[in-house]
């Protein structure tokens, strides 16, 4: 929709390029080179794509951490003739603090893998070094999935991101990104349907207080396909200037009048 592009074009500079998310991405994106499916994310530049890339990166890092912890456990077991802690307790301590995603009753720690493989890395640790799973230690690329399509939009409502869930509508979800200052409307395939950029350059003294309350009517109007209500909500909640919205409406009115005149001539 042209509206979203216009809001993006007139958005005032955000802190996203200096955010923790961007820094993490730039420092770790090289990890994506190994997986052909993820190579396109090496050149991510849009905020939502950076968020997605970071989910993939954190999945790879979690995999490495779990494998390293289990290898250390085995080494300790062999050297001392027995480990000081039971395997499950040892691994729980080693993985404390790692990001994860809760899918129903399952704890997904490696979103680049299917649910079945996640069970291996979250409970069935003893299988990691056994055939055929030991192949995943060095050659895991062929087992990687598209986690956004596989797990759906709820993957963003997890410790893999800092996005804030605003609303769920059927199988679609809306999130707010504080760093990029925008709303993401995500569909059931985990893809972006719309990105609504806030705080345009004509908005004087923008306020970032009580954002969730102010965003609620905007999101509601979006899911009700109420464009006029959405535009009104953006202005009333001091998210977009009345000047920009008026300009957008004036341009649309001019386009409609032109189309009407051309239609009559035909």
C-alpha atoms as a PDB file:
ATOM      1  CA  UNK A   1       0.000   0.000   0.000  1.00  0.00           C
ATOM      2  CA  UNK A   2       1.263   3.460  -0.922  1.00  0.00           C
ATOM      3  CA  UNK A   3       0.269   4.727   2.521  1.00  0.00           C
ATOM      4  CA  UNK A   4       2.886   2.593   4.269  1.00  0.00           C
ATOM      5  CA  UNK A   5       5.584   3.693   1.842  1.00  0.00           C
ATOM      6  CA  UNK A   6       4.677   7.336   2.408  1.00  0.00           C
ATOM      7  CA  UNK A   7       4.873   6.940   6.187  1.00  0.00           C
ATOM      8  CA  UNK A   8       8.238   5.230   5.782  1.00  0.00           C
ATOM      9  CA  UNK A   9       9.548   7.993   3.531  1.00  0.00           C
ATOM     10  CA  UNK A  10       8.611  10.760   5.952  1.00  0.00           C
ATOM     11  CA  UNK A  11       9.583   9.006   9.187  1.00  0.00           C
ATOM     12  CA  UNK A  12      12.126  10.935  11.243  1.00  0.00           C
ATOM     13  CA  UNK A  13      15.435   9.111  11.935  1.00  0.00           C
ATOM     14  CA  UNK A  14      15.177   6.319  14.486  1.00  0.00           C
ATOM     15  CA  UNK A  15      17.765   4.716  16.763  1.00  0.00           C
ATOM     16  CA  UNK A  16      17.554   1.364  14.987  1.00  0.00           C
ATOM     17  CA  UNK A  17      20.914   1.615  13.214  1.00  0.00           C
ATOM     18  CA  UNK A  18      22.594   2.127  16.586  1.00  0.00           C
ATOM     19  CA  UNK A  19      20.463  -0.415  18.419  1.00  0.00           C
ATOM     20  CA  UNK A  20      21.549  -3.613  20.134  1.00  0.00           C
ATOM     21  CA  UNK A  21      19.703  -5.579  17.458  1.00  0.00           C
ATOM     22  CA  UNK A  22      21.748  -4.029  14.653  1.00  0.00           C
ATOM     23  CA  UNK A  23      25.010  -4.396  16.550  1.00  0.00           C
ATOM     24  CA  UNK A  24      24.289  -8.059  17.237  1.00  0.00           C
ATOM     25  CA  UNK A  25      23.439  -8.647  13.580  1.00  0.00           C
ATOM     26  CA  UNK A  26      26.584  -7.003  12.240  1.00  0.00           C
ATOM     27  CA  UNK A  27      28.779  -8.923  14.692  1.00  0.00           C
ATOM     28  CA  UNK A  28      27.267 -12.347  13.997  1.00  0.00           C
ATOM     29  CA  UNK A  29      25.764 -12.414  10.502  1.00  0.00           C
ATOM     30  CA  UNK A  30      28.765 -14.360   9.188  1.00  0.00           C
ATOM     31  CA  UNK A  31      27.196 -17.431  10.826  1.00  0.00           C
ATOM     32  CA  UNK A  32      24.462 -17.358   8.203  1.00  0.00           C
ATOM     33  CA  UNK A  33      26.946 -18.061   5.387  1.00  0.00           C
ATOM     34  CA  UNK A  34      26.939 -21.794   6.134  1.00  0.00           C
ATOM     35  CA  UNK A  35      23.229 -22.244   5.460  1.00  0.00           C
ATOM     36  CA  UNK A  36      22.175 -21.659   1.818  1.00  0.00           C
ATOM     37  CA  UNK A  37      18.580 -21.080   2.934  1.00  0.00           C
ATOM     38  CA  UNK A  38      19.694 -18.154   5.105  1.00  0.00           C
ATOM     39  CA  UNK A  39      22.238 -16.513   2.778  1.00  0.00           C
ATOM     40  CA  UNK A  40      19.759 -13.789   1.654  1.00  0.00           C
ATOM     41  CA  UNK A  41      19.776 -12.490   5.242  1.00  0.00           C
ATOM     42  CA  UNK A  42      23.474 -11.646   4.949  1.00  0.00           C
ATOM     43  CA  UNK A  43      22.439  -8.428   3.218  1.00  0.00           C
ATOM     44  CA  UNK A  44      19.428  -7.584   5.361  1.00  0.00           C
ATOM     45  CA  UNK A  45      18.876  -3.848   5.705  1.00  0.00           C
ATOM     46  CA  UNK A  46      15.222  -3.395   6.670  1.00  0.00           C
ATOM     47  CA  UNK A  47      14.490  -3.519  10.440  1.00  0.00           C
ATOM     48  CA  UNK A  48      12.080  -6.469  10.190  1.00  0.00           C
ATOM     49  CA  UNK A  49      14.612  -8.484   8.188  1.00  0.00           C
ATOM     50  CA  UNK A  50      17.267  -7.716  10.806  1.00  0.00           C
ATOM     51  CA  UNK A  51      14.889  -9.039  13.475  1.00  0.00           C
ATOM     52  CA  UNK A  52      14.353 -12.211  11.458  1.00  0.00           C
ATOM     53  CA  UNK A  53      18.064 -12.652  10.784  1.00  0.00           C
ATOM     54  CA  UNK A  54      18.808 -12.345  14.500  1.00  0.00           C
ATOM     55  CA  UNK A  55      16.358 -15.157  15.272  1.00  0.00           C
ATOM     56  CA  UNK A  56      18.305 -17.396  12.884  1.00  0.00           C
ATOM     57  CA  UNK A  57      21.637 -16.320  14.346  1.00  0.00           C
ATOM     58  CA  UNK A  58      20.511 -16.919  17.929  1.00  0.00           C
ATOM     59  CA  UNK A  59      19.277 -20.338  16.888  1.00  0.00           C
ATOM     60  CA  UNK A  60      22.717 -21.232  15.530  1.00  0.00           C
ATOM     61  CA  UNK A  61      24.443 -19.860  18.639  1.00  0.00           C
ATOM     62  CA  UNK A  62      22.106 -21.845  20.913  1.00  0.00           C
ATOM     63  CA  UNK A  63      22.941 -24.990  18.985  1.00  0.00           C
ATOM     64  CA  UNK A  64      26.656 -24.372  19.434  1.00  0.00           C
ATOM     65  CA  UNK A  65      26.264 -23.636  23.153  1.00  0.00           C
ATOM     66  CA  UNK A  66      24.252 -26.804  23.820  1.00  0.00           C
ATOM     67  CA  UNK A  67      26.667 -28.980  21.870  1.00  0.00           C
ATOM     68  CA  UNK A  68      29.692 -27.473  23.616  1.00  0.00           C
ATOM     69  CA  UNK A  69      28.079 -27.957  27.029  1.00  0.00           C
ATOM     70  CA  UNK A  70      27.326 -31.613  26.315  1.00  0.00           C
ATOM     71  CA  UNK A  71      30.854 -32.221  24.997  1.00  0.00           C
ATOM     72  CA  UNK A  72      32.247 -30.693  28.188  1.00  0.00           C
ATOM     73  CA  UNK A  73      29.988 -32.929  30.260  1.00  0.00           C
ATOM     74  CA  UNK A  74      31.218 -36.057  28.444  1.00  0.00           C
ATOM     75  CA  UNK A  75      34.839 -35.004  28.862  1.00  0.00           C
ATOM     76  CA  UNK A  76      34.326 -34.388  32.569  1.00  0.00           C
ATOM     77  CA  UNK A  77      32.587 -37.738  32.901  1.00  0.00           C
ATOM     78  CA  UNK A  78      35.483 -39.607  31.267  1.00  0.00           C
ATOM     79  CA  UNK A  79      38.269 -37.721  33.078  1.00  0.00           C
ATOM     80  CA  UNK A  80      36.790 -38.006  36.561  1.00  0.00           C
ATOM     81  CA  UNK A  81      35.112 -41.335  36.181  1.00  0.00           C
ATOM     82  CA  UNK A  82      31.781 -39.686  36.814  1.00  0.00           C
ATOM     83  CA  UNK A  83      30.173 -36.241  36.569  1.00  0.00           C
ATOM     84  CA  UNK A  84      29.468 -34.114  39.613  1.00  0.00           C
ATOM     85  CA  UNK A  85      25.907 -33.440  38.430  1.00  0.00           C
ATOM     86  CA  UNK A  86      23.242 -35.523  36.657  1.00  0.00           C
ATOM     87  CA  UNK A  87      23.159 -34.814  32.916  1.00  0.00           C
ATOM     88  CA  UNK A  88      19.799 -33.045  32.926  1.00  0.00           C
ATOM     89  CA  UNK A  89      20.713 -30.747  35.797  1.00  0.00           C
ATOM     90  CA  UNK A  90      24.116 -30.016  34.288  1.00  0.00           C
ATOM     91  CA  UNK A  91      22.579 -29.084  30.924  1.00  0.00           C
ATOM     92  CA  UNK A  92      19.835 -27.008  32.529  1.00  0.00           C
ATOM     93  CA  UNK A  93      22.467 -24.931  34.296  1.00  0.00           C
ATOM     94  CA  UNK A  94      24.573 -24.654  31.148  1.00  0.00           C
ATOM     95  CA  UNK A  95      21.658 -23.399  29.060  1.00  0.00           C
ATOM     96  CA  UNK A  96      20.124 -21.027  31.615  1.00  0.00           C
ATOM     97  CA  UNK A  97      19.695 -17.613  30.052  1.00  0.00           C
ATOM     98  CA  UNK A  98      19.579 -18.801  26.450  1.00  0.00           C
ATOM     99  CA  UNK A  99      16.695 -17.364  24.418  1.00  0.00           C
ATOM    100  CA  UNK A 100      13.821 -19.694  23.605  1.00  0.00           C
ATOM    101  CA  UNK A 101      10.346 -19.867  22.130  1.00  0.00           C
ATOM    102  CA  UNK A 102       7.393 -21.523  23.834  1.00  0.00           C
ATOM    103  CA  UNK A 103       5.246 -23.487  21.370  1.00  0.00           C
ATOM    104  CA  UNK A 104       2.314 -24.982  23.246  1.00  0.00           C
ATOM    105  CA  UNK A 105       4.098 -27.062  25.891  1.00  0.00           C
ATOM    106  CA  UNK A 106       7.347 -27.343  23.923  1.00  0.00           C
ATOM    107  CA  UNK A 107      10.411 -25.224  24.625  1.00  0.00           C
ATOM    108  CA  UNK A 108      12.025 -24.402  21.274  1.00  0.00           C
ATOM    109  CA  UNK A 109      15.650 -23.407  21.775  1.00  0.00           C
ATOM    110  CA  UNK A 110      16.837 -23.941  18.211  1.00  0.00           C
ATOM    111  CA  UNK A 111      14.262 -22.364  15.870  1.00  0.00           C
ATOM    112  CA  UNK A 112      16.286 -23.319  12.805  1.00  0.00           C
ATOM    113  CA  UNK A 113      15.322 -26.942  13.533  1.00  0.00           C
ATOM    114  CA  UNK A 114      11.973 -28.742  13.574  1.00  0.00           C
ATOM    115  CA  UNK A 115      10.100 -29.593  16.773  1.00  0.00           C
ATOM    116  CA  UNK A 116      11.406 -33.166  16.732  1.00  0.00           C
ATOM    117  CA  UNK A 117      15.045 -32.073  16.571  1.00  0.00           C
ATOM    118  CA  UNK A 118      14.436 -29.534  19.309  1.00  0.00           C
ATOM    119  CA  UNK A 119      13.410 -32.376  21.611  1.00  0.00           C
ATOM    120  CA  UNK A 120      16.851 -33.819  21.002  1.00  0.00           C
ATOM    121  CA  UNK A 121      18.542 -30.579  22.045  1.00  0.00           C
ATOM    122  CA  UNK A 122      16.261 -30.038  24.999  1.00  0.00           C
ATOM    123  CA  UNK A 123      16.123 -33.260  26.969  1.00  0.00           C
ATOM    124  CA  UNK A 124      17.492 -36.115  24.875  1.00  0.00           C
ATOM    125  CA  UNK A 125      21.060 -34.829  25.095  1.00  0.00           C
ATOM    126  CA  UNK A 126      22.651 -38.274  25.123  1.00  0.00           C
ATOM    127  CA  UNK A 127      21.607 -38.731  21.482  1.00  0.00           C
ATOM    128  CA  UNK A 128      23.588 -35.708  20.277  1.00  0.00           C
ATOM    129  CA  UNK A 129      26.796 -37.711  19.934  1.00  0.00           C
ATOM    130  CA  UNK A 130      25.105 -40.854  18.590  1.00  0.00           C
ATOM    131  CA  UNK A 131      24.356 -41.790  14.969  1.00  0.00           C
ATOM    132  CA  UNK A 132      22.581 -40.481  12.981  1.00  0.00           C
ATOM    133  CA  UNK A 133      22.262 -37.272  15.020  1.00  0.00           C
ATOM    134  CA  UNK A 134      26.011 -36.800  15.403  1.00  0.00           C
ATOM    135  CA  UNK A 135      26.037 -35.609  11.792  1.00  0.00           C
ATOM    136  CA  UNK A 136      24.284 -32.460  12.963  1.00  0.00           C
ATOM    137  CA  UNK A 137      27.408 -31.418  14.856  1.00  0.00           C
ATOM    138  CA  UNK A 138      29.239 -30.406  11.697  1.00  0.00           C
ATOM    139  CA  UNK A 139      26.797 -30.785   8.808  1.00  0.00           C
ATOM    140  CA  UNK A 140      23.492 -29.374   9.956  1.00  0.00           C
ATOM    141  CA  UNK A 141      22.700 -27.163   6.963  1.00  0.00           C
ATOM    142  CA  UNK A 142      20.458 -29.731   5.270  1.00  0.00           C
ATOM    143  CA  UNK A 143      18.304 -30.028   8.393  1.00  0.00           C
ATOM    144  CA  UNK A 144      17.578 -26.307   8.664  1.00  0.00           C
ATOM    145  CA  UNK A 145      14.029 -25.105   8.129  1.00  0.00           C
ATOM    146  CA  UNK A 146      12.239 -21.838   7.470  1.00  0.00           C
ATOM    147  CA  UNK A 147      11.268 -21.144  11.099  1.00  0.00           C
ATOM    148  CA  UNK A 148       8.919 -18.296  10.216  1.00  0.00           C
ATOM    149  CA  UNK A 149       6.740 -20.467   8.026  1.00  0.00           C
ATOM    150  CA  UNK A 150       7.130 -23.541  10.271  1.00  0.00           C
ATOM    151  CA  UNK A 151       6.400 -21.899  13.633  1.00  0.00           C
ATOM    152  CA  UNK A 152       4.295 -18.960  12.418  1.00  0.00           C
ATOM    153  CA  UNK A 153       4.082 -15.385  13.737  1.00  0.00           C
ATOM    154  CA  UNK A 154       4.264 -16.406  17.404  1.00  0.00           C
ATOM    155  CA  UNK A 155       8.004 -16.966  17.037  1.00  0.00           C
ATOM    156  CA  UNK A 156       8.387 -13.186  17.314  1.00  0.00           C
ATOM    157  CA  UNK A 157       6.641 -13.251  20.700  1.00  0.00           C
ATOM    158  CA  UNK A 158       9.632 -14.901  22.333  1.00  0.00           C
ATOM    159  CA  UNK A 159      13.006 -14.285  23.930  1.00  0.00           C
ATOM    160  CA  UNK A 160      14.547 -14.301  20.454  1.00  0.00           C
ATOM    161  CA  UNK A 161      13.348 -10.723  19.900  1.00  0.00           C
ATOM    162  CA  UNK A 162      12.452  -7.590  21.826  1.00  0.00           C
ATOM    163  CA  UNK A 163       9.249  -7.012  19.901  1.00  0.00           C
ATOM    164  CA  UNK A 164       6.091  -6.365  21.889  1.00  0.00           C
ATOM    165  CA  UNK A 165       2.926  -8.222  20.929  1.00  0.00           C
ATOM    166  CA  UNK A 166       0.053  -5.769  20.431  1.00  0.00           C
ATOM    167  CA  UNK A 167      -2.766  -7.982  19.198  1.00  0.00           C
ATOM    168  CA  UNK A 168      -3.525 -11.377  17.705  1.00  0.00           C
ATOM    169  CA  UNK A 169      -6.220 -11.591  15.053  1.00  0.00           C
ATOM    170  CA  UNK A 170      -6.975 -15.161  13.989  1.00  0.00           C
ATOM    171  CA  UNK A 171      -3.576 -16.386  12.770  1.00  0.00           C
ATOM    172  CA  UNK A 172      -2.111 -12.922  12.312  1.00  0.00           C
ATOM    173  CA  UNK A 173      -0.260 -10.837  14.881  1.00  0.00           C
ATOM    174  CA  UNK A 174       0.762  -7.216  15.339  1.00  0.00           C
ATOM    175  CA  UNK A 175       4.024  -6.215  17.050  1.00  0.00           C
ATOM    176  CA  UNK A 176       5.691  -2.972  18.042  1.00  0.00           C
ATOM    177  CA  UNK A 177       9.395  -2.392  17.523  1.00  0.00           C
ATOM    178  CA  UNK A 178      10.608   0.304  19.939  1.00  0.00           C
ATOM    179  CA  UNK A 179      13.949   0.705  18.147  1.00  0.00           C
ATOM    180  CA  UNK A 180      12.495   1.088  14.647  1.00  0.00           C
ATOM    181  CA  UNK A 181       9.426   2.953  15.969  1.00  0.00           C
ATOM    182  CA  UNK A 182       7.008   1.014  13.824  1.00  0.00           C
ATOM    183  CA  UNK A 183       4.214  -1.544  13.913  1.00  0.00           C
ATOM    184  CA  UNK A 184       4.707  -4.888  12.171  1.00  0.00           C
ATOM    185  CA  UNK A 185       1.606  -6.711  10.955  1.00  0.00           C
ATOM    186  CA  UNK A 186       2.695 -10.326  10.525  1.00  0.00           C
ATOM    187  CA  UNK A 187       0.685 -12.989   8.700  1.00  0.00           C
ATOM    188  CA  UNK A 188       0.322 -16.694   9.486  1.00  0.00           C
ATOM    189  CA  UNK A 189       3.387 -17.532   7.363  1.00  0.00           C
ATOM    190  CA  UNK A 190       5.488 -15.346   9.635  1.00  0.00           C
ATOM    191  CA  UNK A 191       5.909 -12.807   6.836  1.00  0.00           C
ATOM    192  CA  UNK A 192       5.364  -9.067   6.960  1.00  0.00           C
ATOM    193  CA  UNK A 193       2.028  -7.837   5.585  1.00  0.00           C
ATOM    194  CA  UNK A 194       2.557  -4.197   6.531  1.00  0.00           C
ATOM    195  CA  UNK A 195       5.017  -1.981   8.353  1.00  0.00           C
ATOM    196  CA  UNK A 196       3.541   1.201   9.777  1.00  0.00           C
ATOM    197  CA  UNK A 197       6.299   3.717  10.487  1.00  0.00           C
ATOM    198  CA  UNK A 198       5.513   6.281  13.170  1.00  0.00           C
ATOM    199  CA  UNK A 199       6.695   9.785  14.152  1.00  0.00           C
ATOM    200  CA  UNK A 200       7.110  11.683  10.904  1.00  0.00           C
ATOM    201  CA  UNK A 201       9.331  14.714  10.496  1.00  0.00           C
ATOM    202  CA  UNK A 202       6.407  17.129  10.736  1.00  0.00           C
ATOM    203  CA  UNK A 203       5.367  15.867  14.165  1.00  0.00           C
ATOM    204  CA  UNK A 204       6.490  18.400  16.770  1.00  0.00           C
ATOM    205  CA  UNK A 205       7.646  17.130  20.159  1.00  0.00           C
ATOM    206  CA  UNK A 206       6.837  13.434  19.624  1.00  0.00           C
ATOM    207  CA  UNK A 207       6.027  11.546  22.813  1.00  0.00           C
ATOM    208  CA  UNK A 208       6.950   7.916  23.423  1.00  0.00           C
ATOM    209  CA  UNK A 209       4.958   7.517  26.621  1.00  0.00           C
ATOM    210  CA  UNK A 210       2.109   5.014  27.028  1.00  0.00           C
ATOM    211  CA  UNK A 211       2.771   3.595  23.581  1.00  0.00           C
ATOM    212  CA  UNK A 212       0.800   0.369  23.938  1.00  0.00           C
ATOM    213  CA  UNK A 213      -2.372   2.247  24.863  1.00  0.00           C
ATOM    214  CA  UNK A 214      -1.924   4.679  21.983  1.00  0.00           C
ATOM    215  CA  UNK A 215      -1.205   1.938  19.462  1.00  0.00           C
ATOM    216  CA  UNK A 216      -4.226  -0.191  20.368  1.00  0.00           C
ATOM    217  CA  UNK A 217      -6.852   1.760  18.331  1.00  0.00           C
ATOM    218  CA  UNK A 218      -4.532   1.885  15.310  1.00  0.00           C
ATOM    219  CA  UNK A 219      -4.120  -1.881  15.332  1.00  0.00           C
ATOM    220  CA  UNK A 220      -7.842  -2.400  15.857  1.00  0.00           C
ATOM    221  CA  UNK A 221      -8.686  -0.250  12.829  1.00  0.00           C
ATOM    222  CA  UNK A 222      -6.144  -2.123  10.701  1.00  0.00           C
ATOM    223  CA  UNK A 223      -7.738  -5.487  11.414  1.00  0.00           C
ATOM    224  CA  UNK A 224     -11.201  -4.021  10.772  1.00  0.00           C
ATOM    225  CA  UNK A 225     -10.008  -2.686   7.386  1.00  0.00           C
ATOM    226  CA  UNK A 226     -11.001   0.796   8.544  1.00  0.00           C
ATOM    227  CA  UNK A 227      -8.516   3.001   6.747  1.00  0.00           C
ATOM    228  CA  UNK A 228     -10.137   6.304   7.734  1.00  0.00           C
ATOM    229  CA  UNK A 229     -10.294   5.188  11.358  1.00  0.00           C
ATOM    230  CA  UNK A 230      -6.651   4.157  11.214  1.00  0.00           C
ATOM    231  CA  UNK A 231      -5.551   7.538   9.888  1.00  0.00           C
ATOM    232  CA  UNK A 232      -7.639   9.318  12.504  1.00  0.00           C
ATOM    233  CA  UNK A 233      -6.177   7.144  15.270  1.00  0.00           C
ATOM    234  CA  UNK A 234      -2.640   7.909  14.134  1.00  0.00           C
ATOM    235  CA  UNK A 235      -3.298  11.643  14.435  1.00  0.00           C
ATOM    236  CA  UNK A 236      -5.367  11.566  17.620  1.00  0.00           C
ATOM    237  CA  UNK A 237      -2.708   9.525  19.408  1.00  0.00           C
ATOM    238  CA  UNK A 238       0.095  11.850  18.311  1.00  0.00           C
ATOM    239  CA  UNK A 239       1.788   9.139  16.257  1.00  0.00           C
ATOM    240  CA  UNK A 240       1.641  10.920  12.886  1.00  0.00           C
ATOM    241  CA  UNK A 241       1.234  14.636  12.242  1.00  0.00           C
ATOM    242  CA  UNK A 242      -2.071  15.999  10.992  1.00  0.00           C
ATOM    243  CA  UNK A 243      -0.065  17.802   8.302  1.00  0.00           C
ATOM    244  CA  UNK A 244       1.170  14.565   6.747  1.00  0.00           C
ATOM    245  CA  UNK A 245      -2.184  12.799   7.002  1.00  0.00           C
ATOM    246  CA  UNK A 246      -3.923  15.793   5.415  1.00  0.00           C
ATOM    247  CA  UNK A 247      -1.406  15.747   2.571  1.00  0.00           C
ATOM    248  CA  UNK A 248      -1.987  12.015   2.040  1.00  0.00           C
ATOM    249  CA  UNK A 249      -5.759  12.465   1.943  1.00  0.00           C
ATOM    250  CA  UNK A 250      -5.510  15.435  -0.409  1.00  0.00           C
ATOM    251  CA  UNK A 251      -3.340  13.458  -2.810  1.00  0.00           C
ATOM    252  CA  UNK A 252      -5.754  10.525  -2.729  1.00  0.00           C
ATOM    253  CA  UNK A 253      -8.735  12.806  -3.346  1.00  0.00           C
ATOM    254  CA  UNK A 254      -6.956  14.371  -6.320  1.00  0.00           C
ATOM    255  CA  UNK A 255      -6.182  10.936  -7.745  1.00  0.00           C
ATOM    256  CA  UNK A 256      -9.798   9.784  -7.331  1.00  0.00           C
ATOM    257  CA  UNK A 257     -11.184  12.904  -9.004  1.00  0.00           C
ATOM    258  CA  UNK A 258      -8.800  12.457 -11.932  1.00  0.00           C
ATOM    259  CA  UNK A 259      -9.753   8.800 -12.308  1.00  0.00           C
ATOM    260  CA  UNK A 260     -13.455   9.753 -12.185  1.00  0.00           C
ATOM    261  CA  UNK A 261     -13.070  12.379 -14.932  1.00  0.00           C
ATOM    262  CA  UNK A 262     -11.120  10.007 -17.156  1.00  0.00           C
ATOM    263  CA  UNK A 263     -13.780   7.354 -16.598  1.00  0.00           C
ATOM    264  CA  UNK A 264     -16.541   9.731 -17.665  1.00  0.00           C
ATOM    265  CA  UNK A 265     -14.694  10.697 -20.859  1.00  0.00           C
ATOM    266  CA  UNK A 266     -14.401   7.037 -21.786  1.00  0.00           C
END
